[in-house]
Every structure is written in C-alpha cells, then in structure tokens.
Amino acid sequence: MNQKSKTIVFASFYPKKEKNNEVKEIILAMIDPTRSEKGNEIYNFYEVKDDNDKEISFHLFEIYKDSAALDFHRNTSHYKNYRSKITDLLDRPIEVKVLTSINSI
C-alpha cells in the first residue's frame, strides 16, 4: 500500500493538574466532526496513565488523505474552537508531529 501521499499526525497533550477531565472532554468532542471530514481516514484518541492510574497525557493519532486534507481540518470551526479552549488547560504547548513514512502499511 502506498502511504507516500498520506499525512500522518501525532499530537500529545499534557493537562495541568486537575484539568484531565476537561482536556479529555474537549478532545472527545473533536472526534465525530473530524472523522466526518472527507479527507480524514483515522482519528484515534489514546491516553497514558501513571502507576496511580491517573491520566498524565493524551495522544491523537491522525491520518489524512493528503496535506490539503490536514489544512482543511486546521481551518474548520471545530478545530479552531478546540484550540481556543484547550491551550489554557495544558502544562505545556501541544506537541504536534507530522510524520513521514519510512516503512509502513
């Protein structure tokens, strides 16, 4: 399968103390509208917990048909709304990595 033209994004979120649920709810609200975008192929939401079973970080794994589909996503009202709400709830800026495939299926 040729993944060359696909745009893969890995985004990480590190909530401030006591803000885990708010951050989680904001990201959860992004799932349906993003998955319904024509150019979105995968929009999966994950968490990493510490030994005390407390959420310490959230992660999105996203695949778009191409870079134009990612640009479209970043210009939607749901994207702009989530970005405006989530920033103040995080310990540090969102870490966004756009990945380039070396060998993937």
PDB file of N, CA and C in Angstrom:
ATOM      1  N   MET A   1       0.844  -1.189   0.000  1.00  0.00           N
ATOM      2  CA  MET A   1       0.000   0.000   0.000  1.00  0.00           C
ATOM      3  C   MET A   1       0.885   1.246   0.000  1.00  0.00           C
ATOM      4  N   ASN A   2       0.592   2.176  -0.835  1.00  0.00           N
ATOM      5  CA  ASN A   2       1.389   3.382  -0.935  1.00  0.00           C
ATOM      6  C   ASN A   2       0.898   4.429   0.058  1.00  0.00           C
ATOM      7  N   GLN A   3       1.719   4.705   1.044  1.00  0.00           N
ATOM      8  CA  GLN A   3       1.370   5.692   2.064  1.00  0.00           C
ATOM      9  C   GLN A   3       2.009   7.047   1.769  1.00  0.00           C
ATOM     10  N   LYS A   4       2.730   7.164   0.651  1.00  0.00           N
ATOM     11  CA  LYS A   4       3.511   8.363   0.382  1.00  0.00           C
ATOM     12  C   LYS A   4       2.726   9.655   0.502  1.00  0.00           C
ATOM     13  N   SER A   5       1.547   9.708  -0.084  1.00  0.00           N
ATOM     14  CA  SER A   5       0.821  10.971  -0.123  1.00  0.00           C
ATOM     15  C   SER A   5       0.030  11.248   1.154  1.00  0.00           C
ATOM     16  N   LYS A   6      -0.115  10.256   2.006  1.00  0.00           N
ATOM     17  CA  LYS A   6      -0.902  10.443   3.227  1.00  0.00           C
ATOM     18  C   LYS A   6      -0.145  11.326   4.219  1.00  0.00           C
ATOM     19  N   THR A   7      -0.895  12.075   5.006  1.00  0.00           N
ATOM     20  CA  THR A   7      -0.306  12.927   6.031  1.00  0.00           C
ATOM     21  C   THR A   7      -0.672  12.337   7.387  1.00  0.00           C
ATOM     22  N   ILE A   8       0.355  11.990   8.157  1.00  0.00           N
ATOM     23  CA  ILE A   8       0.158  11.353   9.462  1.00  0.00           C
ATOM     24  C   ILE A   8       0.571  12.333  10.550  1.00  0.00           C
ATOM     25  N   VAL A   9      -0.308  12.488  11.543  1.00  0.00           N
ATOM     26  CA  VAL A   9      -0.058  13.433  12.631  1.00  0.00           C
ATOM     27  C   VAL A   9      -0.128  12.693  13.966  1.00  0.00           C
ATOM     28  N   PHE A  10       0.822  13.004  14.845  1.00  0.00           N
ATOM     29  CA  PHE A  10       0.791  12.501  16.220  1.00  0.00           C
ATOM     30  C   PHE A  10       0.834  13.726  17.128  1.00  0.00           C
ATOM     31  N   ALA A  11      -0.236  13.925  17.892  1.00  0.00           N
ATOM     32  CA  ALA A  11      -0.334  15.094  18.769  1.00  0.00           C
ATOM     33  C   ALA A  11      -0.439  14.656  20.218  1.00  0.00           C
ATOM     34  N   SER A  12       0.337  15.311  21.093  1.00  0.00           N
ATOM     35  CA  SER A  12       0.355  14.966  22.517  1.00  0.00           C
ATOM     36  C   SER A  12      -0.065  16.154  23.363  1.00  0.00           C
ATOM     37  N   PHE A  13      -0.863  15.847  24.396  1.00  0.00           N
ATOM     38  CA  PHE A  13      -1.442  16.847  25.280  1.00  0.00           C
ATOM     39  C   PHE A  13      -1.087  16.508  26.725  1.00  0.00           C
ATOM     40  N   TYR A  14      -0.594  17.484  27.465  1.00  0.00           N
ATOM     41  CA  TYR A  14      -0.195  17.284  28.853  1.00  0.00           C
ATOM     42  C   TYR A  14      -0.996  18.239  29.736  1.00  0.00           C
ATOM     43  N   PRO A  15      -2.122  17.759  30.288  1.00  0.00           N
ATOM     44  CA  PRO A  15      -3.003  18.631  31.078  1.00  0.00           C
ATOM     45  C   PRO A  15      -2.363  19.119  32.370  1.00  0.00           C
ATOM     46  N   LYS A  16      -2.778  20.312  32.790  1.00  0.00           N
ATOM     47  CA  LYS A  16      -2.415  20.805  34.121  1.00  0.00           C
ATOM     48  C   LYS A  16      -3.085  19.907  35.153  1.00  0.00           C
ATOM     49  N   LYS A  17      -2.560  19.922  36.355  1.00  0.00           N
ATOM     50  CA  LYS A  17      -3.183  19.149  37.446  1.00  0.00           C
ATOM     51  C   LYS A  17      -4.654  19.498  37.559  1.00  0.00           C
ATOM     52  N   GLU A  18      -5.457  18.504  37.780  1.00  0.00           N
ATOM     53  CA  GLU A  18      -6.911  18.661  37.953  1.00  0.00           C
ATOM     54  C   GLU A  18      -7.644  19.085  36.676  1.00  0.00           C
ATOM     55  N   LYS A  19      -6.978  19.108  35.542  1.00  0.00           N
ATOM     56  CA  LYS A  19      -7.630  19.507  34.290  1.00  0.00           C
ATOM     57  C   LYS A  19      -7.778  18.327  33.320  1.00  0.00           C
ATOM     58  N   ASN A  20      -7.440  17.115  33.777  1.00  0.00           N
ATOM     59  CA  ASN A  20      -7.513  15.936  32.898  1.00  0.00           C
ATOM     60  C   ASN A  20      -8.885  15.770  32.245  1.00  0.00           C
ATOM     61  N   ASN A  21      -9.937  15.838  33.052  1.00  0.00           N
ATOM     62  CA  ASN A  21     -11.276  15.593  32.516  1.00  0.00           C
ATOM     63  C   ASN A  21     -11.701  16.660  31.514  1.00  0.00           C
ATOM     64  N   GLU A  22     -11.359  17.907  31.806  1.00  0.00           N
ATOM     65  CA  GLU A  22     -11.726  18.984  30.875  1.00  0.00           C
ATOM     66  C   GLU A  22     -11.023  18.799  29.529  1.00  0.00           C
ATOM     67  N   VAL A  23      -9.735  18.479  29.581  1.00  0.00           N
ATOM     68  CA  VAL A  23      -8.972  18.262  28.353  1.00  0.00           C
ATOM     69  C   VAL A  23      -9.543  17.069  27.589  1.00  0.00           C
ATOM     70  N   LYS A  24      -9.831  16.003  28.317  1.00  0.00           N
ATOM     71  CA  LYS A  24     -10.392  14.792  27.694  1.00  0.00           C
ATOM     72  C   LYS A  24     -11.711  15.097  26.993  1.00  0.00           C
ATOM     73  N   GLU A  25     -12.595  15.849  27.638  1.00  0.00           N
ATOM     74  CA  GLU A  25     -13.895  16.181  27.053  1.00  0.00           C
ATOM     75  C   GLU A  25     -13.764  17.046  25.802  1.00  0.00           C
ATOM     76  N   ILE A  26     -12.833  17.983  25.821  1.00  0.00           N
ATOM     77  CA  ILE A  26     -12.623  18.846  24.656  1.00  0.00           C
ATOM     78  C   ILE A  26     -12.148  18.006  23.462  1.00  0.00           C
ATOM     79  N   ILE A  27     -11.226  17.089  23.711  1.00  0.00           N
ATOM     80  CA  ILE A  27     -10.729  16.239  22.617  1.00  0.00           C
ATOM     81  C   ILE A  27     -11.809  15.270  22.151  1.00  0.00           C
ATOM     82  N   LEU A  28     -12.554  14.693  23.082  1.00  0.00           N
ATOM     83  CA  LEU A  28     -13.645  13.783  22.707  1.00  0.00           C
ATOM     84  C   LEU A  28     -14.649  14.474  21.784  1.00  0.00           C
ATOM     85  N   ALA A  29     -14.885  15.752  22.028  1.00  0.00           N
ATOM     86  CA  ALA A  29     -15.840  16.496  21.203  1.00  0.00           C
ATOM     87  C   ALA A  29     -15.323  16.714  19.772  1.00  0.00           C
ATOM     88  N   MET A  30     -14.043  16.500  19.550  1.00  0.00           N
ATOM     89  CA  MET A  30     -13.445  16.665  18.219  1.00  0.00           C
ATOM     90  C   MET A  30     -13.599  15.413  17.353  1.00  0.00           C
ATOM     91  N   ILE A  31     -13.840  14.276  17.972  1.00  0.00           N
ATOM     92  CA  ILE A  31     -13.766  13.008  17.244  1.00  0.00           C
ATOM     93  C   ILE A  31     -14.795  12.904  16.119  1.00  0.00           C
ATOM     94  N   ASP A  32     -16.072  13.043  16.420  1.00  0.00           N
ATOM     95  CA  ASP A  32     -17.090  12.874  15.373  1.00  0.00           C
ATOM     96  C   ASP A  32     -16.962  13.879  14.230  1.00  0.00           C
ATOM     97  N   PRO A  33     -16.820  15.193  14.536  1.00  0.00           N
ATOM     98  CA  PRO A  33     -16.702  16.120  13.405  1.00  0.00           C
ATOM     99  C   PRO A  33     -15.446  15.879  12.567  1.00  0.00           C
ATOM    100  N   THR A  34     -14.346  15.494  13.207  1.00  0.00           N
ATOM    101  CA  THR A  34     -13.121  15.255  12.447  1.00  0.00           C
ATOM    102  C   THR A  34     -13.241  13.993  11.602  1.00  0.00           C
ATOM    103  N   ARG A  35     -13.787  12.931  12.192  1.00  0.00           N
ATOM    104  CA  ARG A  35     -13.935  11.686  11.425  1.00  0.00           C
ATOM    105  C   ARG A  35     -14.886  11.851  10.242  1.00  0.00           C
ATOM    106  N   SER A  36     -15.763  12.838  10.296  1.00  0.00           N
ATOM    107  CA  SER A  36     -16.689  13.032   9.180  1.00  0.00           C
ATOM    108  C   SER A  36     -16.106  13.935   8.085  1.00  0.00           C
ATOM    109  N   GLU A  37     -14.917  14.480   8.314  1.00  0.00           N
ATOM    110  CA  GLU A  37     -14.256  15.262   7.260  1.00  0.00           C
ATOM    111  C   GLU A  37     -13.872  14.313   6.124  1.00  0.00           C
ATOM    112  N   LYS A  38     -14.095  14.750   4.910  1.00  0.00           N
ATOM    113  CA  LYS A  38     -13.856  13.907   3.740  1.00  0.00           C
ATOM    114  C   LYS A  38     -12.414  13.388   3.676  1.00  0.00           C
ATOM    115  N   GLY A  39     -11.442  14.216   4.038  1.00  0.00           N
ATOM    116  CA  GLY A  39     -10.037  13.835   3.915  1.00  0.00           C
ATOM    117  C   GLY A  39      -9.455  13.109   5.104  1.00  0.00           C
ATOM    118  N   ASN A  40     -10.237  12.937   6.184  1.00  0.00           N
ATOM    119  CA  ASN A  40      -9.733  12.231   7.363  1.00  0.00           C
ATOM    120  C   ASN A  40      -9.950  10.739   7.210  1.00  0.00           C
ATOM    121  N   GLU A  41      -8.901   9.961   7.476  1.00  0.00           N
ATOM    122  CA  GLU A  41      -9.008   8.496   7.401  1.00  0.00           C
ATOM    123  C   GLU A  41      -8.993   7.858   8.779  1.00  0.00           C
ATOM    124  N   ILE A  42      -8.183   8.412   9.679  1.00  0.00           N
ATOM    125  CA  ILE A  42      -8.102   7.887  11.052  1.00  0.00           C
ATOM    126  C   ILE A  42      -7.955   9.063  12.006  1.00  0.00           C
ATOM    127  N   TYR A  43      -8.705   8.990  13.107  1.00  0.00           N
ATOM    128  CA  TYR A  43      -8.591   9.985  14.178  1.00  0.00           C
ATOM    129  C   TYR A  43      -8.804   9.219  15.473  1.00  0.00           C
ATOM    130  N   ASN A  44      -7.712   8.703  16.035  1.00  0.00           N
ATOM    131  CA  ASN A  44      -7.793   7.842  17.209  1.00  0.00           C
ATOM    132  C   ASN A  44      -7.219   8.553  18.430  1.00  0.00           C
ATOM    133  N   PHE A  45      -7.890   8.361  19.565  1.00  0.00           N
ATOM    134  CA  PHE A  45      -7.580   9.063  20.814  1.00  0.00           C
ATOM    135  C   PHE A  45      -7.076   8.060  21.840  1.00  0.00           C
ATOM    136  N   TYR A  46      -5.932   8.367  22.476  1.00  0.00           N
ATOM    137  CA  TYR A  46      -5.300   7.472  23.451  1.00  0.00           C
ATOM    138  C   TYR A  46      -4.914   8.254  24.696  1.00  0.00           C
ATOM    139  N   GLU A  47      -4.657   7.506  25.771  1.00  0.00           N
ATOM    140  CA  GLU A  47      -4.140   8.120  26.989  1.00  0.00           C
ATOM    141  C   GLU A  47      -2.998   7.288  27.536  1.00  0.00           C
ATOM    142  N   VAL A  48      -2.129   7.941  28.297  1.00  0.00           N
ATOM    143  CA  VAL A  48      -1.056   7.271  29.022  1.00  0.00           C
ATOM    144  C   VAL A  48      -1.287   7.599  30.490  1.00  0.00           C
ATOM    145  N   LYS A  49      -1.335   6.555  31.324  1.00  0.00           N
ATOM    146  CA  LYS A  49      -1.578   6.752  32.755  1.00  0.00           C
ATOM    147  C   LYS A  49      -0.336   6.399  33.548  1.00  0.00           C
ATOM    148  N   ASP A  50      -0.195   7.039  34.705  1.00  0.00           N
ATOM    149  CA  ASP A  50       0.918   6.688  35.579  1.00  0.00           C
ATOM    150  C   ASP A  50       0.536   5.486  36.440  1.00  0.00           C
ATOM    151  N   ASP A  51       1.415   5.089  37.342  1.00  0.00           N
ATOM    152  CA  ASP A  51       1.182   3.901  38.170  1.00  0.00           C
ATOM    153  C   ASP A  51      -0.006   4.055  39.112  1.00  0.00           C
ATOM    154  N   ASN A  52      -0.405   5.283  39.415  1.00  0.00           N
ATOM    155  CA  ASN A  52      -1.553   5.525  40.293  1.00  0.00           C
ATOM    156  C   ASN A  52      -2.855   5.595  39.519  1.00  0.00           C
ATOM    157  N   ASP A  53      -2.796   5.220  38.228  1.00  0.00           N
ATOM    158  CA  ASP A  53      -3.984   5.197  37.373  1.00  0.00           C
ATOM    159  C   ASP A  53      -4.579   6.584  37.154  1.00  0.00           C
ATOM    160  N   LYS A  54      -3.735   7.588  37.164  1.00  0.00           N
ATOM    161  CA  LYS A  54      -4.171   8.951  36.869  1.00  0.00           C
ATOM    162  C   LYS A  54      -3.716   9.287  35.451  1.00  0.00           C
ATOM    163  N   GLU A  55      -4.600   9.917  34.682  1.00  0.00           N
ATOM    164  CA  GLU A  55      -4.205  10.310  33.330  1.00  0.00           C
ATOM    165  C   GLU A  55      -3.080  11.332  33.415  1.00  0.00           C
ATOM    166  N   ILE A  56      -2.034  11.082  32.677  1.00  0.00           N
ATOM    167  CA  ILE A  56      -0.960  12.064  32.671  1.00  0.00           C
ATOM    168  C   ILE A  56      -0.785  12.691  31.292  1.00  0.00           C
ATOM    169  N   SER A  57      -1.226  12.003  30.255  1.00  0.00           N
ATOM    170  CA  SER A  57      -1.153  12.609  28.925  1.00  0.00           C
ATOM    171  C   SER A  57      -2.166  11.954  27.990  1.00  0.00           C
ATOM    172  N   PHE A  58      -2.554  12.727  26.991  1.00  0.00           N
ATOM    173  CA  PHE A  58      -3.470  12.247  25.955  1.00  0.00           C
ATOM    174  C   PHE A  58      -2.775  12.388  24.613  1.00  0.00           C
ATOM    175  N   HIS A  59      -3.140  11.499  23.671  1.00  0.00           N
ATOM    176  CA  HIS A  59      -2.474  11.489  22.376  1.00  0.00           C
ATOM    177  C   HIS A  59      -3.474  11.210  21.258  1.00  0.00           C
ATOM    178  N   LEU A  60      -3.315  11.928  20.159  1.00  0.00           N
ATOM    179  CA  LEU A  60      -4.125  11.714  18.969  1.00  0.00           C
ATOM    180  C   LEU A  60      -3.232  11.181  17.857  1.00  0.00           C
ATOM    181  N   PHE A  61      -3.717  10.131  17.207  1.00  0.00           N
ATOM    182  CA  PHE A  61      -3.058   9.588  16.017  1.00  0.00           C
ATOM    183  C   PHE A  61      -4.009   9.833  14.864  1.00  0.00           C
ATOM    184  N   GLU A  62      -3.556  10.608  13.888  1.00  0.00           N
ATOM    185  CA  GLU A  62      -4.428  11.060  12.818  1.00  0.00           C
ATOM    186  C   GLU A  62      -3.823  10.736  11.455  1.00  0.00           C
ATOM    187  N   ILE A  63      -4.646  10.290  10.534  1.00  0.00           N
ATOM    188  CA  ILE A  63      -4.198  10.100   9.161  1.00  0.00           C
ATOM    189  C   ILE A  63      -5.165  10.836   8.241  1.00  0.00           C
ATOM    190  N   TYR A  64      -4.574  11.651   7.380  1.00  0.00           N
ATOM    191  CA  TYR A  64      -5.330  12.410   6.388  1.00  0.00           C
ATOM    192  C   TYR A  64      -4.921  11.966   4.992  1.00  0.00           C
ATOM    193  N   LYS A  65      -5.838  12.083   4.061  1.00  0.00           N
ATOM    194  CA  LYS A  65      -5.631  11.669   2.679  1.00  0.00           C
ATOM    195  C   LYS A  65      -4.380  12.317   2.086  1.00  0.00           C
ATOM    196  N   ASP A  66      -4.173  13.601   2.433  1.00  0.00           N
ATOM    197  CA  ASP A  66      -3.017  14.343   1.938  1.00  0.00           C
ATOM    198  C   ASP A  66      -2.868  15.621   2.766  1.00  0.00           C
ATOM    199  N   SER A  67      -1.872  16.425   2.444  1.00  0.00           N
ATOM    200  CA  SER A  67      -1.642  17.634   3.239  1.00  0.00           C
ATOM    201  C   SER A  67      -2.785  18.637   3.094  1.00  0.00           C
ATOM    202  N   ALA A  68      -3.463  18.642   1.950  1.00  0.00           N
ATOM    203  CA  ALA A  68      -4.606  19.538   1.773  1.00  0.00           C
ATOM    204  C   ALA A  68      -5.729  19.179   2.749  1.00  0.00           C
ATOM    205  N   ALA A  69      -5.912  17.897   3.025  1.00  0.00           N
ATOM    206  CA  ALA A  69      -6.943  17.454   3.975  1.00  0.00           C
ATOM    207  C   ALA A  69      -6.599  17.916   5.390  1.00  0.00           C
ATOM    208  N   LEU A  70      -5.312  17.896   5.743  1.00  0.00           N
ATOM    209  CA  LEU A  70      -4.897  18.398   7.056  1.00  0.00           C
ATOM    210  C   LEU A  70      -5.122  19.913   7.123  1.00  0.00           C
ATOM    211  N   ASP A  71      -4.791  20.618   6.061  1.00  0.00           N
ATOM    212  CA  ASP A  71      -5.033  22.064   6.026  1.00  0.00           C
ATOM    213  C   ASP A  71      -6.520  22.365   6.197  1.00  0.00           C
ATOM    214  N   PHE A  72      -7.358  21.587   5.516  1.00  0.00           N
ATOM    215  CA  PHE A  72      -8.805  21.751   5.646  1.00  0.00           C
ATOM    216  C   PHE A  72      -9.213  21.571   7.111  1.00  0.00           C
ATOM    217  N   HIS A  73      -8.709  20.495   7.748  1.00  0.00           N
ATOM    218  CA  HIS A  73      -9.015  20.197   9.155  1.00  0.00           C
ATOM    219  C   HIS A  73      -8.657  21.383  10.047  1.00  0.00           C
ATOM    220  N   ARG A  74      -7.477  21.937   9.838  1.00  0.00           N
ATOM    221  CA  ARG A  74      -6.990  23.034  10.687  1.00  0.00           C
ATOM    222  C   ARG A  74      -7.765  24.339  10.478  1.00  0.00           C
ATOM    223  N   ASN A  75      -8.574  24.387   9.443  1.00  0.00           N
ATOM    224  CA  ASN A  75      -9.370  25.592   9.188  1.00  0.00           C
ATOM    225  C   ASN A  75     -10.850  25.421   9.522  1.00  0.00           C
ATOM    226  N   THR A  76     -11.228  24.265  10.085  1.00  0.00           N
ATOM    227  CA  THR A  76     -12.628  24.055  10.453  1.00  0.00           C
ATOM    228  C   THR A  76     -12.961  24.810  11.739  1.00  0.00           C
ATOM    229  N   SER A  77     -14.232  25.081  11.927  1.00  0.00           N
ATOM    230  CA  SER A  77     -14.653  25.773  13.150  1.00  0.00           C
ATOM    231  C   SER A  77     -14.433  24.886  14.375  1.00  0.00           C
ATOM    232  N   HIS A  78     -14.632  23.555  14.254  1.00  0.00           N
ATOM    233  CA  HIS A  78     -14.427  22.693  15.430  1.00  0.00           C
ATOM    234  C   HIS A  78     -12.956  22.667  15.842  1.00  0.00           C
ATOM    235  N   TYR A  79     -12.049  22.729  14.879  1.00  0.00           N
ATOM    236  CA  TYR A  79     -10.620  22.761  15.203  1.00  0.00           C
ATOM    237  C   TYR A  79     -10.263  24.085  15.893  1.00  0.00           C
ATOM    238  N   LYS A  80     -10.695  25.185  15.312  1.00  0.00           N
ATOM    239  CA  LYS A  80     -10.377  26.499  15.892  1.00  0.00           C
ATOM    240  C   LYS A  80     -10.979  26.646  17.291  1.00  0.00           C
ATOM    241  N   ASN A  81     -12.169  26.115  17.486  1.00  0.00           N
ATOM    242  CA  ASN A  81     -12.832  26.165  18.781  1.00  0.00           C
ATOM    243  C   ASN A  81     -12.062  25.350  19.823  1.00  0.00           C
ATOM    244  N   TYR A  82     -11.660  24.138  19.454  1.00  0.00           N
ATOM    245  CA  TYR A  82     -10.926  23.288  20.406  1.00  0.00           C
ATOM    246  C   TYR A  82      -9.586  23.920  20.771  1.00  0.00           C
ATOM    247  N   ARG A  83      -8.890  24.482  19.785  1.00  0.00           N
ATOM    248  CA  ARG A  83      -7.592  25.099  20.070  1.00  0.00           C
ATOM    249  C   ARG A  83      -7.751  26.288  21.020  1.00  0.00           C
ATOM    250  N   SER A  84      -8.804  27.051  20.856  1.00  0.00           N
ATOM    251  CA  SER A  84      -9.003  28.219  21.725  1.00  0.00           C
ATOM    252  C   SER A  84      -9.338  27.803  23.151  1.00  0.00           C
ATOM    253  N   LYS A  85     -10.006  26.667  23.328  1.00  0.00           N
ATOM    254  CA  LYS A  85     -10.409  26.210  24.668  1.00  0.00           C
ATOM    255  C   LYS A  85      -9.292  25.476  25.404  1.00  0.00           C
ATOM    256  N   ILE A  86      -8.494  24.695  24.685  1.00  0.00           N
ATOM    257  CA  ILE A  86      -7.611  23.733  25.341  1.00  0.00           C
ATOM    258  C   ILE A  86      -6.294  24.320  25.831  1.00  0.00           C
ATOM    259  N   THR A  87      -5.825  25.368  25.187  1.00  0.00           N
ATOM    260  CA  THR A  87      -4.487  25.902  25.469  1.00  0.00           C
ATOM    261  C   THR A  87      -4.246  26.211  26.940  1.00  0.00           C
ATOM    262  N   ASP A  88      -5.188  26.876  27.583  1.00  0.00           N
ATOM    263  CA  ASP A  88      -5.011  27.279  28.979  1.00  0.00           C
ATOM    264  C   ASP A  88      -5.106  26.118  29.967  1.00  0.00           C
ATOM    265  N   LEU A  89      -5.545  24.969  29.503  1.00  0.00           N
ATOM    266  CA  LEU A  89      -5.696  23.804  30.382  1.00  0.00           C
ATOM    267  C   LEU A  89      -4.460  22.903  30.368  1.00  0.00           C
ATOM    268  N   LEU A  90      -3.473  23.262  29.568  1.00  0.00           N
ATOM    269  CA  LEU A  90      -2.297  22.409  29.392  1.00  0.00           C
ATOM    270  C   LEU A  90      -1.085  22.953  30.124  1.00  0.00           C
ATOM    271  N   ASP A  91      -0.252  22.005  30.580  1.00  0.00           N
ATOM    272  CA  ASP A  91       1.009  22.336  31.239  1.00  0.00           C
ATOM    273  C   ASP A  91       2.025  22.926  30.276  1.00  0.00           C
ATOM    274  N   ARG A  92       1.951  22.488  29.031  1.00  0.00           N
ATOM    275  CA  ARG A  92       2.880  22.968  28.005  1.00  0.00           C
ATOM    276  C   ARG A  92       2.180  22.919  26.658  1.00  0.00           C
ATOM    277  N   PRO A  93       2.741  23.578  25.662  1.00  0.00           N
ATOM    278  CA  PRO A  93       2.074  23.594  24.351  1.00  0.00           C
ATOM    279  C   PRO A  93       1.848  22.186  23.799  1.00  0.00           C
ATOM    280  N   ILE A  94       0.815  22.050  22.976  1.00  0.00           N
ATOM    281  CA  ILE A  94       0.537  20.776  22.317  1.00  0.00           C
ATOM    282  C   ILE A  94       1.753  20.403  21.477  1.00  0.00           C
ATOM    283  N   GLU A  95       2.185  19.153  21.600  1.00  0.00           N
ATOM    284  CA  GLU A  95       3.304  18.671  20.786  1.00  0.00           C
ATOM    285  C   GLU A  95       2.727  17.998  19.553  1.00  0.00           C
ATOM    286  N   VAL A  96       2.917  18.620  18.411  1.00  0.00           N
ATOM    287  CA  VAL A  96       2.375  18.078  17.155  1.00  0.00           C
ATOM    288  C   VAL A  96       3.536  17.652  16.278  1.00  0.00           C
ATOM    289  N   LYS A  97       3.491  16.393  15.874  1.00  0.00           N
ATOM    290  CA  LYS A  97       4.493  15.866  14.951  1.00  0.00           C
ATOM    291  C   LYS A  97       3.794  15.390  13.687  1.00  0.00           C
ATOM    292  N   VAL A  98       4.250  15.909  12.552  1.00  0.00           N
ATOM    293  CA  VAL A  98       3.756  15.397  11.267  1.00  0.00           C
ATOM    294  C   VAL A  98       4.800  14.377  10.818  1.00  0.00           C
ATOM    295  N   LEU A  99       4.350  13.113  10.710  1.00  0.00           N
ATOM    296  CA  LEU A  99       5.270  12.006  10.457  1.00  0.00           C
ATOM    297  C   LEU A  99       5.396  11.716   8.963  1.00  0.00           C
ATOM    298  N   THR A 100       6.603  11.341   8.579  1.00  0.00           N
ATOM    299  CA  THR A 100       6.882  10.909   7.211  1.00  0.00           C
ATOM    300  C   THR A 100       7.201   9.425   7.267  1.00  0.00           C
ATOM    301  N   SER A 101       6.517   8.645   6.459  1.00  0.00           N
ATOM    302  CA  SER A 101       6.713   7.199   6.478  1.00  0.00           C
ATOM    303  C   SER A 101       8.079   6.803   5.934  1.00  0.00           C
ATOM    304  N   ILE A 102       8.714   5.866   6.636  1.00  0.00           N
ATOM    305  CA  ILE A 102       9.924   5.218   6.121  1.00  0.00           C
ATOM    306  C   ILE A 102       9.521   3.844   5.610  1.00  0.00           C
ATOM    307  N   ASN A 103       8.737   3.137   6.421  1.00  0.00           N
ATOM    308  CA  ASN A 103       8.233   1.825   6.014  1.00  0.00           C
ATOM    309  C   ASN A 103       6.959   1.577   6.808  1.00  0.00           C
ATOM    310  N   SER A 104       5.820   1.675   6.167  1.00  0.00           N
ATOM    311  CA  SER A 104       4.548   1.495   6.870  1.00  0.00           C
ATOM    312  C   SER A 104       3.554   0.803   5.938  1.00  0.00           C
ATOM    313  N   ILE A 105       2.512   0.231   6.554  1.00  0.00           N
ATOM    314  CA  ILE A 105       1.480  -0.429   5.745  1.00  0.00           C
ATOM    315  C   ILE A 105       0.137   0.241   5.994  1.00  0.00           C
TER     316      ILE A 105
END
